[in-house]
Full PDB file with SEQRES, HELIX, SHEET, SSBOND, CRYST1, ORIGX, SCALE, CONECT and MASTER records, all heavy atoms in Angstrom:
SEQRES   1 A   34  ILE PHE LYS THR GLN LEU ARG ALA LEU LEU ARG ALA SER          
SEQRES   2 A   34  ALA PHE GLY ASN ILE ALA ILE MET PHE PRO MET VAL ILE          
SEQRES   3 A   34  SER VAL ASN GLU VAL LYS GLN ILE                              
HELIX    1 AA1 PHE A    2  ALA A   12  1                                  11    
HELIX    2 AA2 SER A   13  PHE A   15  5                                   3    
HELIX    3 AA3 VAL A   28  GLN A   33  1                                   6    
CRYST1    1.000    1.000    1.000  90.00  90.00  90.00 P 1           1          
ORIGX1      1.000000  0.000000  0.000000        0.00000                         
ORIGX2      0.000000  1.000000  0.000000        0.00000                         
ORIGX3      0.000000  0.000000  1.000000        0.00000                         
SCALE1      1.000000  0.000000  0.000000        0.00000                         
SCALE2      0.000000  1.000000  0.000000        0.00000                         
SCALE3      0.000000  0.000000  1.000000        0.00000                         
ATOM      1  N   ILE A   1     104.551  78.245 115.264  1.00  0.00           N  
ATOM      2  CA  ILE A   1     105.306  79.394 115.786  1.00  0.00           C  
ATOM      3  C   ILE A   1     105.619  80.364 114.651  1.00  0.00           C  
ATOM      4  O   ILE A   1     105.473  81.585 114.786  1.00  0.00           O  
ATOM      5  CB  ILE A   1     106.618  78.923 116.445  1.00  0.00           C  
ATOM      6  CG1 ILE A   1     106.333  77.989 117.626  1.00  0.00           C  
ATOM      7  CG2 ILE A   1     107.465  80.111 116.897  1.00  0.00           C  
ATOM      8  CD1 ILE A   1     107.581  77.333 118.198  1.00  0.00           C  
ATOM      9  N   PHE A   2     106.042  79.818 113.523  1.00  0.00           N  
ATOM     10  CA  PHE A   2     106.417  80.618 112.358  1.00  0.00           C  
ATOM     11  C   PHE A   2     105.219  81.411 111.839  1.00  0.00           C  
ATOM     12  O   PHE A   2     105.306  82.612 111.567  1.00  0.00           O  
ATOM     13  CB  PHE A   2     106.965  79.685 111.278  1.00  0.00           C  
ATOM     14  CG  PHE A   2     107.685  80.360 110.142  1.00  0.00           C  
ATOM     15  CD1 PHE A   2     108.366  81.557 110.313  1.00  0.00           C  
ATOM     16  CD2 PHE A   2     107.694  79.773 108.881  1.00  0.00           C  
ATOM     17  CE1 PHE A   2     109.042  82.163 109.268  1.00  0.00           C  
ATOM     18  CE2 PHE A   2     108.373  80.370 107.823  1.00  0.00           C  
ATOM     19  CZ  PHE A   2     109.037  81.563 108.017  1.00  0.00           C  
ATOM     20  N   LYS A   3     104.081  80.745 111.711  1.00  0.00           N  
ATOM     21  CA  LYS A   3     102.888  81.414 111.182  1.00  0.00           C  
ATOM     22  C   LYS A   3     102.405  82.520 112.110  1.00  0.00           C  
ATOM     23  O   LYS A   3     101.923  83.559 111.649  1.00  0.00           O  
ATOM     24  CB  LYS A   3     101.768  80.393 110.948  1.00  0.00           C  
ATOM     25  CG  LYS A   3     101.958  79.535 109.704  1.00  0.00           C  
ATOM     26  CD  LYS A   3     100.749  78.647 109.459  1.00  0.00           C  
ATOM     27  CE  LYS A   3     100.858  77.910 108.138  1.00  0.00           C  
ATOM     28  NZ  LYS A   3      99.671  77.074 107.860  1.00  0.00           N  
ATOM     29  N   THR A   4     102.539  82.311 113.401  1.00  0.00           N  
ATOM     30  CA  THR A   4     102.148  83.359 114.352  1.00  0.00           C  
ATOM     31  C   THR A   4     102.972  84.618 114.123  1.00  0.00           C  
ATOM     32  O   THR A   4     102.436  85.733 114.087  1.00  0.00           O  
ATOM     33  CB  THR A   4     102.331  82.870 115.802  1.00  0.00           C  
ATOM     34  OG1 THR A   4     101.450  81.770 116.046  1.00  0.00           O  
ATOM     35  CG2 THR A   4     102.034  83.974 116.800  1.00  0.00           C  
ATOM     36  N   GLN A   5     104.278  84.433 113.946  1.00  0.00           N  
ATOM     37  CA  GLN A   5     105.129  85.594 113.693  1.00  0.00           C  
ATOM     38  C   GLN A   5     104.812  86.236 112.353  1.00  0.00           C  
ATOM     39  O   GLN A   5     104.737  87.468 112.249  1.00  0.00           O  
ATOM     40  CB  GLN A   5     106.607  85.205 113.747  1.00  0.00           C  
ATOM     41  CG  GLN A   5     107.521  86.416 113.521  1.00  0.00           C  
ATOM     42  CD  GLN A   5     108.995  86.139 113.749  1.00  0.00           C  
ATOM     43  OE1 GLN A   5     109.467  85.030 113.500  1.00  0.00           O  
ATOM     44  NE2 GLN A   5     109.716  87.141 114.212  1.00  0.00           N  
ATOM     45  N   LEU A   6     104.606  85.422 111.323  1.00  0.00           N  
ATOM     46  CA  LEU A   6     104.312  85.965 110.000  1.00  0.00           C  
ATOM     47  C   LEU A   6     102.985  86.728 109.993  1.00  0.00           C  
ATOM     48  O   LEU A   6     102.864  87.778 109.353  1.00  0.00           O  
ATOM     49  CB  LEU A   6     104.279  84.838 108.956  1.00  0.00           C  
ATOM     50  CG  LEU A   6     105.635  84.211 108.617  1.00  0.00           C  
ATOM     51  CD1 LEU A   6     105.445  83.007 107.708  1.00  0.00           C  
ATOM     52  CD2 LEU A   6     106.564  85.237 107.959  1.00  0.00           C  
ATOM     53  N   ARG A   7     101.976  86.220 110.689  1.00  0.00           N  
ATOM     54  CA  ARG A   7     100.704  86.939 110.784  1.00  0.00           C  
ATOM     55  C   ARG A   7     100.913  88.314 111.416  1.00  0.00           C  
ATOM     56  O   ARG A   7     100.387  89.325 110.929  1.00  0.00           O  
ATOM     57  CB  ARG A   7      99.696  86.130 111.622  1.00  0.00           C  
ATOM     58  CG  ARG A   7      99.012  84.990 110.879  1.00  0.00           C  
ATOM     59  CD  ARG A   7      98.017  84.278 111.808  1.00  0.00           C  
ATOM     60  NE  ARG A   7      96.971  85.185 112.268  1.00  0.00           N  
ATOM     61  CZ  ARG A   7      95.800  85.360 111.655  1.00  0.00           C  
ATOM     62  NH1 ARG A   7      95.519  84.696 110.541  1.00  0.00           N  
ATOM     63  NH2 ARG A   7      94.896  86.195 112.144  1.00  0.00           N  
ATOM     64  N   ALA A   8     101.687  88.342 112.503  1.00  0.00           N  
ATOM     65  CA  ALA A   8     101.952  89.610 113.186  1.00  0.00           C  
ATOM     66  C   ALA A   8     102.689  90.581 112.271  1.00  0.00           C  
ATOM     67  O   ALA A   8     102.368  91.774 112.208  1.00  0.00           O  
ATOM     68  CB  ALA A   8     102.755  89.354 114.457  1.00  0.00           C  
ATOM     69  N   LEU A   9     103.681  90.075 111.544  1.00  0.00           N  
ATOM     70  CA  LEU A   9     104.467  90.921 110.648  1.00  0.00           C  
ATOM     71  C   LEU A   9     103.629  91.463 109.494  1.00  0.00           C  
ATOM     72  O   LEU A   9     103.689  92.648 109.161  1.00  0.00           O  
ATOM     73  CB  LEU A   9     105.657  90.135 110.095  1.00  0.00           C  
ATOM     74  CG  LEU A   9     106.843  89.946 111.041  1.00  0.00           C  
ATOM     75  CD1 LEU A   9     107.788  88.876 110.521  1.00  0.00           C  
ATOM     76  CD2 LEU A   9     107.587  91.275 111.219  1.00  0.00           C  
ATOM     77  N   LEU A  10     102.835  90.594 108.876  1.00  0.00           N  
ATOM     78  CA  LEU A  10     102.021  91.033 107.747  1.00  0.00           C  
ATOM     79  C   LEU A  10     100.955  92.031 108.192  1.00  0.00           C  
ATOM     80  O   LEU A  10     100.700  93.029 107.507  1.00  0.00           O  
ATOM     81  CB  LEU A  10     101.382  89.823 107.067  1.00  0.00           C  
ATOM     82  CG  LEU A  10     102.357  88.950 106.260  1.00  0.00           C  
ATOM     83  CD1 LEU A  10     101.702  87.648 105.836  1.00  0.00           C  
ATOM     84  CD2 LEU A  10     102.871  89.702 105.037  1.00  0.00           C  
ATOM     85  N   ARG A  11     100.345  91.807 109.334  1.00  0.00           N  
ATOM     86  CA  ARG A  11      99.363  92.764 109.859  1.00  0.00           C  
ATOM     87  C   ARG A  11     100.024  94.129 110.104  1.00  0.00           C  
ATOM     88  O   ARG A  11      99.463  95.171 109.776  1.00  0.00           O  
ATOM     89  CB  ARG A  11      98.754  92.238 111.154  1.00  0.00           C  
ATOM     90  CG  ARG A  11      97.754  91.104 110.982  1.00  0.00           C  
ATOM     91  CD  ARG A  11      97.334  90.561 112.342  1.00  0.00           C  
ATOM     92  NE  ARG A  11      96.751  91.615 113.181  1.00  0.00           N  
ATOM     93  CZ  ARG A  11      96.619  91.517 114.504  1.00  0.00           C  
ATOM     94  NH1 ARG A  11      97.041  90.428 115.144  1.00  0.00           N  
ATOM     95  NH2 ARG A  11      96.078  92.510 115.188  1.00  0.00           N  
ATOM     96  N   ALA A  12     101.234  94.096 110.667  1.00  0.00           N  
ATOM     97  CA  ALA A  12     101.943  95.348 110.957  1.00  0.00           C  
ATOM     98  C   ALA A  12     102.360  96.067 109.684  1.00  0.00           C  
ATOM     99  O   ALA A  12     102.518  97.300 109.680  1.00  0.00           O  
ATOM    100  CB  ALA A  12     103.171  95.058 111.822  1.00  0.00           C  
ATOM    101  N   SER A  13     102.516  95.321 108.587  1.00  0.00           N  
ATOM    102  CA  SER A  13     102.951  95.944 107.332  1.00  0.00           C  
ATOM    103  C   SER A  13     101.918  96.911 106.773  1.00  0.00           C  
ATOM    104  O   SER A  13     102.225  97.709 105.887  1.00  0.00           O  
ATOM    105  CB  SER A  13     103.282  94.863 106.295  1.00  0.00           C  
ATOM    106  OG  SER A  13     102.106  94.196 105.843  1.00  0.00           O  
ATOM    107  N   ALA A  14     100.694  96.851 107.280  1.00  0.00           N  
ATOM    108  CA  ALA A  14      99.656  97.804 106.860  1.00  0.00           C  
ATOM    109  C   ALA A  14      99.895  99.189 107.461  1.00  0.00           C  
ATOM    110  O   ALA A  14      99.250 100.163 107.065  1.00  0.00           O  
ATOM    111  CB  ALA A  14      98.276  97.289 107.267  1.00  0.00           C  
ATOM    112  N   PHE A  15     100.838  99.271 108.413  1.00  0.00           N  
ATOM    113  CA  PHE A  15     101.083 100.526 109.131  1.00  0.00           C  
ATOM    114  C   PHE A  15     102.461 101.121 108.846  1.00  0.00           C  
ATOM    115  O   PHE A  15     102.873 102.082 109.497  1.00  0.00           O  
ATOM    116  CB  PHE A  15     100.927 100.297 110.638  1.00  0.00           C  
ATOM    117  CG  PHE A  15      99.550  99.846 111.027  1.00  0.00           C  
ATOM    118  CD1 PHE A  15      99.231  98.493 111.048  1.00  0.00           C  
ATOM    119  CD2 PHE A  15      98.563 100.764 111.347  1.00  0.00           C  
ATOM    120  CE1 PHE A  15      97.953  98.064 111.389  1.00  0.00           C  
ATOM    121  CE2 PHE A  15      97.285 100.345 111.695  1.00  0.00           C  
ATOM    122  CZ  PHE A  15      96.973  98.995 111.708  1.00  0.00           C  
ATOM    123  N   GLY A  16     103.175 100.547 107.890  1.00  0.00           N  
ATOM    124  CA  GLY A  16     104.500 101.073 107.580  1.00  0.00           C  
ATOM    125  C   GLY A  16     105.174 100.243 106.503  1.00  0.00           C  
ATOM    126  O   GLY A  16     104.565  99.364 105.889  1.00  0.00           O  
ATOM    127  N   ASN A  17     106.447 100.522 106.294  1.00  0.00           N  
ATOM    128  CA  ASN A  17     107.218  99.887 105.230  1.00  0.00           C  
ATOM    129  C   ASN A  17     108.039  98.724 105.797  1.00  0.00           C  
ATOM    130  O   ASN A  17     109.223  98.881 106.116  1.00  0.00           O  
ATOM    131  CB  ASN A  17     108.124 100.940 104.586  1.00  0.00           C  
ATOM    132  CG  ASN A  17     108.869 100.413 103.383  1.00  0.00           C  
ATOM    133  OD1 ASN A  17     108.667  99.285 102.949  1.00  0.00           O  
ATOM    134  ND2 ASN A  17     109.753 101.236 102.838  1.00  0.00           N  
ATOM    135  N   ILE A  18     107.398  97.583 105.941  1.00  0.00           N  
ATOM    136  CA  ILE A  18     108.057  96.415 106.535  1.00  0.00           C  
ATOM    137  C   ILE A  18     108.502  95.428 105.456  1.00  0.00           C  
ATOM    138  O   ILE A  18     107.762  95.137 104.514  1.00  0.00           O  
ATOM    139  CB  ILE A  18     107.128  95.706 107.537  1.00  0.00           C  
ATOM    140  CG1 ILE A  18     107.006  96.538 108.824  1.00  0.00           C  
ATOM    141  CG2 ILE A  18     107.618  94.297 107.868  1.00  0.00           C  
ATOM    142  CD1 ILE A  18     106.133  95.915 109.902  1.00  0.00           C  
ATOM    143  N   ALA A  19     109.720  94.936 105.597  1.00  0.00           N  
ATOM    144  CA  ALA A  19     110.235  93.838 104.778  1.00  0.00           C  
ATOM    145  C   ALA A  19     110.579  92.689 105.722  1.00  0.00           C  
ATOM    146  O   ALA A  19     110.879  92.915 106.895  1.00  0.00           O  
ATOM    147  CB  ALA A  19     111.468  94.283 103.994  1.00  0.00           C  
ATOM    148  N   ILE A  20     110.516  91.472 105.229  1.00  0.00           N  
ATOM    149  CA  ILE A  20     110.759  90.292 106.069  1.00  0.00           C  
ATOM    150  C   ILE A  20     111.970  89.539 105.538  1.00  0.00           C  
ATOM    151  O   ILE A  20     112.085  89.282 104.335  1.00  0.00           O  
ATOM    152  CB  ILE A  20     109.534  89.354 106.103  1.00  0.00           C  
ATOM    153  CG1 ILE A  20     108.275  90.137 106.498  1.00  0.00           C  
ATOM    154  CG2 ILE A  20     109.767  88.207 107.085  1.00  0.00           C  
ATOM    155  CD1 ILE A  20     106.990  89.310 106.426  1.00  0.00           C  
ATOM    156  N   MET A  21     112.859  89.182 106.463  1.00  0.00           N  
ATOM    157  CA  MET A  21     114.114  88.512 106.102  1.00  0.00           C  
ATOM    158  C   MET A  21     114.246  87.206 106.884  1.00  0.00           C  
ATOM    159  O   MET A  21     113.942  87.156 108.073  1.00  0.00           O  
ATOM    160  CB  MET A  21     115.274  89.456 106.426  1.00  0.00           C  
ATOM    161  CG  MET A  21     116.648  88.900 106.186  1.00  0.00           C  
ATOM    162  SD  MET A  21     117.874  90.224 106.199  1.00  0.00           S  
ATOM    163  CE  MET A  21     117.835  90.760 107.918  1.00  0.00           C  
ATOM    164  N   PHE A  22     114.717  86.171 106.205  1.00  0.00           N  
ATOM    165  CA  PHE A  22     114.784  84.844 106.799  1.00  0.00           C  
ATOM    166  C   PHE A  22     116.239  84.395 106.972  1.00  0.00           C  
ATOM    167  O   PHE A  22     117.025  84.451 106.028  1.00  0.00           O  
ATOM    168  CB  PHE A  22     114.013  83.847 105.926  1.00  0.00           C  
ATOM    169  CG  PHE A  22     112.596  84.298 105.648  1.00  0.00           C  
ATOM    170  CD1 PHE A  22     112.291  84.977 104.468  1.00  0.00           C  
ATOM    171  CD2 PHE A  22     111.592  84.093 106.577  1.00  0.00           C  
ATOM    172  CE1 PHE A  22     110.996  85.421 104.217  1.00  0.00           C  
ATOM    173  CE2 PHE A  22     110.293  84.529 106.337  1.00  0.00           C  
ATOM    174  CZ  PHE A  22     109.997  85.198 105.156  1.00  0.00           C  
ATOM    175  N   PRO A  23     116.610  83.971 108.182  1.00  0.00           N  
ATOM    176  CA  PRO A  23     118.006  83.623 108.465  1.00  0.00           C  
ATOM    177  C   PRO A  23     118.371  82.162 108.218  1.00  0.00           C  
ATOM    178  O   PRO A  23     117.505  81.285 108.213  1.00  0.00           O  
ATOM    179  CB  PRO A  23     118.117  83.929 109.971  1.00  0.00           C  
ATOM    180  CG  PRO A  23     116.748  83.605 110.499  1.00  0.00           C  
ATOM    181  CD  PRO A  23     115.783  83.966 109.402  1.00  0.00           C  
ATOM    182  N   MET A  24     119.654  81.936 108.009  1.00  0.00           N  
ATOM    183  CA  MET A  24     120.250  80.591 107.925  1.00  0.00           C  
ATOM    184  C   MET A  24     119.711  79.743 106.780  1.00  0.00           C  
ATOM    185  O   MET A  24     119.613  78.520 106.877  1.00  0.00           O  
ATOM    186  CB  MET A  24     120.083  79.857 109.254  1.00  0.00           C  
ATOM    187  CG  MET A  24     121.019  80.309 110.348  1.00  0.00           C  
ATOM    188  SD  MET A  24     122.768  80.038 109.947  1.00  0.00           S  
ATOM    189  CE  MET A  24     122.852  78.250 109.977  1.00  0.00           C  
ATOM    190  N   VAL A  25     119.365  80.380 105.673  1.00  0.00           N  
ATOM    191  CA  VAL A  25     118.891  79.646 104.493  1.00  0.00           C  
ATOM    192  C   VAL A  25     120.083  79.010 103.781  1.00  0.00           C  
ATOM    193  O   VAL A  25     121.125  79.648 103.602  1.00  0.00           O  
ATOM    194  CB  VAL A  25     118.144  80.598 103.537  1.00  0.00           C  
ATOM    195  CG1 VAL A  25     117.920  79.954 102.178  1.00  0.00           C  
ATOM    196  CG2 VAL A  25     116.814  81.023 104.151  1.00  0.00           C  
ATOM    197  N   ILE A  26     119.923  77.755 103.375  1.00  0.00           N  
ATOM    198  CA  ILE A  26     121.016  77.078 102.666  1.00  0.00           C  
ATOM    199  C   ILE A  26     120.568  76.444 101.350  1.00  0.00           C  
ATOM    200  O   ILE A  26     121.369  75.848 100.648  1.00  0.00           O  
ATOM    201  CB  ILE A  26     121.683  75.985 103.538  1.00  0.00           C  
ATOM    202  CG1 ILE A  26     120.673  74.895 103.916  1.00  0.00           C  
ATOM    203  CG2 ILE A  26     122.343  76.589 104.770  1.00  0.00           C  
ATOM    204  CD1 ILE A  26     121.298  73.653 104.540  1.00  0.00           C  
ATOM    205  N   SER A  27     119.270  76.570 101.006  1.00  0.00           N  
ATOM    206  CA  SER A  27     118.800  75.911  99.785  1.00  0.00           C  
ATOM    207  C   SER A  27     117.625  76.651  99.164  1.00  0.00           C  
ATOM    208  O   SER A  27     116.883  77.365  99.852  1.00  0.00           O  
ATOM    209  CB  SER A  27     118.387  74.466 100.077  1.00  0.00           C  
ATOM    210  OG  SER A  27     117.184  74.433 100.841  1.00  0.00           O  
ATOM    211  N   VAL A  28     117.433  76.441  97.870  1.00  0.00           N  
ATOM    212  CA  VAL A  28     116.282  77.003  97.156  1.00  0.00           C  
ATOM    213  C   VAL A  28     115.003  76.379  97.685  1.00  0.00           C  
ATOM    214  O   VAL A  28     113.970  77.053  97.796  1.00  0.00           O  
ATOM    215  CB  VAL A  28     116.429  76.764  95.641  1.00  0.00           C  
ATOM    216  CG1 VAL A  28     115.158  77.179  94.907  1.00  0.00           C  
ATOM    217  CG2 VAL A  28     117.633  77.521  95.092  1.00  0.00           C  
ATOM    218  N   ASN A  29     115.046  75.104  98.015  1.00  0.00           N  
ATOM    219  CA  ASN A  29     113.863  74.416  98.527  1.00  0.00           C  
ATOM    220  C   ASN A  29     113.341  75.085  99.801  1.00  0.00           C  
ATOM    221  O   ASN A  29     112.126  75.226  99.992  1.00  0.00           O  
ATOM    222  CB  ASN A  29     114.188  72.948  98.804  1.00  0.00           C  
ATOM    223  CG  ASN A  29     112.957  72.160  99.233  1.00  0.00           C  
ATOM    224  OD1 ASN A  29     111.944  72.136  98.536  1.00  0.00           O  
ATOM    225  ND2 ASN A  29     113.038  71.516 100.389  1.00  0.00           N  
ATOM    226  N   GLU A  30     114.255  75.514 100.679  1.00  0.00           N  
ATOM    227  CA  GLU A  30     113.834  76.205 101.893  1.00  0.00           C  
ATOM    228  C   GLU A  30     113.084  77.492 101.551  1.00  0.00           C  
ATOM    229  O   GLU A  30     112.053  77.799 102.157  1.00  0.00           O  
ATOM    230  CB  GLU A  30     115.051  76.525 102.765  1.00  0.00           C  
ATOM    231  CG  GLU A  30     115.625  75.335 103.498  1.00  0.00           C  
ATOM    232  CD  GLU A  30     116.891  75.672 104.260  1.00  0.00           C  
ATOM    233  OE1 GLU A  30     117.632  76.583 103.804  1.00  0.00           O  
ATOM    234  OE2 GLU A  30     117.150  75.047 105.302  1.00  0.00           O  
ATOM    235  N   VAL A  31     113.608  78.233 100.580  1.00  0.00           N  
ATOM    236  CA  VAL A  31     112.971  79.490 100.190  1.00  0.00           C  
ATOM    237  C   VAL A  31     111.572  79.225  99.635  1.00  0.00           C  
ATOM    238  O   VAL A  31     110.615  79.949  99.941  1.00  0.00           O  
ATOM    239  CB  VAL A  31     113.826  80.257  99.160  1.00  0.00           C  
ATOM    240  CG1 VAL A  31     113.123  81.526  98.708  1.00  0.00           C  
ATOM    241  CG2 VAL A  31     115.182  80.594  99.747  1.00  0.00           C  
ATOM    242  N   LYS A  32     111.436  78.185  98.844  1.00  0.00           N  
ATOM    243  CA  LYS A  32     110.121  77.855  98.291  1.00  0.00           C  
ATOM    244  C   LYS A  32     109.147  77.451  99.395  1.00  0.00           C  
ATOM    245  O   LYS A  32     107.963  77.808  99.349  1.00  0.00           O  
ATOM    246  CB  LYS A  32     110.260  76.748  97.244  1.00  0.00           C  
ATOM    247  CG  LYS A  32     110.961  77.235  95.970  1.00  0.00           C  
ATOM    248  CD  LYS A  32     111.028  76.148  94.907  1.00  0.00           C  
ATOM    249  CE  LYS A  32     111.620  76.707  93.618  1.00  0.00           C  
ATOM    250  NZ  LYS A  32     111.732  75.681  92.545  1.00  0.00           N  
ATOM    251  N   GLN A  33     109.627  76.713 100.390  1.00  0.00           N  
ATOM    252  CA  GLN A  33     108.781  76.359 101.527  1.00  0.00           C  
ATOM    253  C   GLN A  33     108.330  77.613 102.278  1.00  0.00           C  
ATOM    254  O   GLN A  33     107.164  77.737 102.664  1.00  0.00           O  
ATOM    255  CB  GLN A  33     109.540  75.444 102.493  1.00  0.00           C  
ATOM    256  CG  GLN A  33     109.710  74.010 102.043  1.00  0.00           C  
ATOM    257  CD  GLN A  33     110.456  73.202 103.092  1.00  0.00           C  
ATOM    258  OE1 GLN A  33     111.673  73.026 103.019  1.00  0.00           O  
ATOM    259  NE2 GLN A  33     109.752  72.731 104.088  1.00  0.00           N  
ATOM    260  N   ILE A  34     109.274  78.519 102.487  1.00  0.00           N  
ATOM    261  CA  ILE A  34     108.970  79.776 103.185  1.00  0.00           C  
ATOM    262  C   ILE A  34     107.879  80.539 102.437  1.00  0.00           C  
ATOM    263  O   ILE A  34     106.903  81.008 103.036  1.00  0.00           O  
ATOM    264  CB  ILE A  34     110.243  80.645 103.305  1.00  0.00           C  
ATOM    265  CG1 ILE A  34     111.236  80.027 104.291  1.00  0.00           C  
ATOM    266  CG2 ILE A  34     109.887  82.071 103.726  1.00  0.00           C  
ATOM    267  CD1 ILE A  34     112.629  80.631 104.219  1.00  0.00           C  
TER     268      ILE A  34                                                      
MASTER        0    0    0    3    0    0    0    6  267    1    0    3          
END                                                                             
């Protein structure tokens, strides 16, 4: 599910100034996984 959304977001970033933000992060390990 996550990869489907990320693919859509990255593809759309070719058409504008998109940044991606991740909710409910509580650890550095989560960020590295992301």
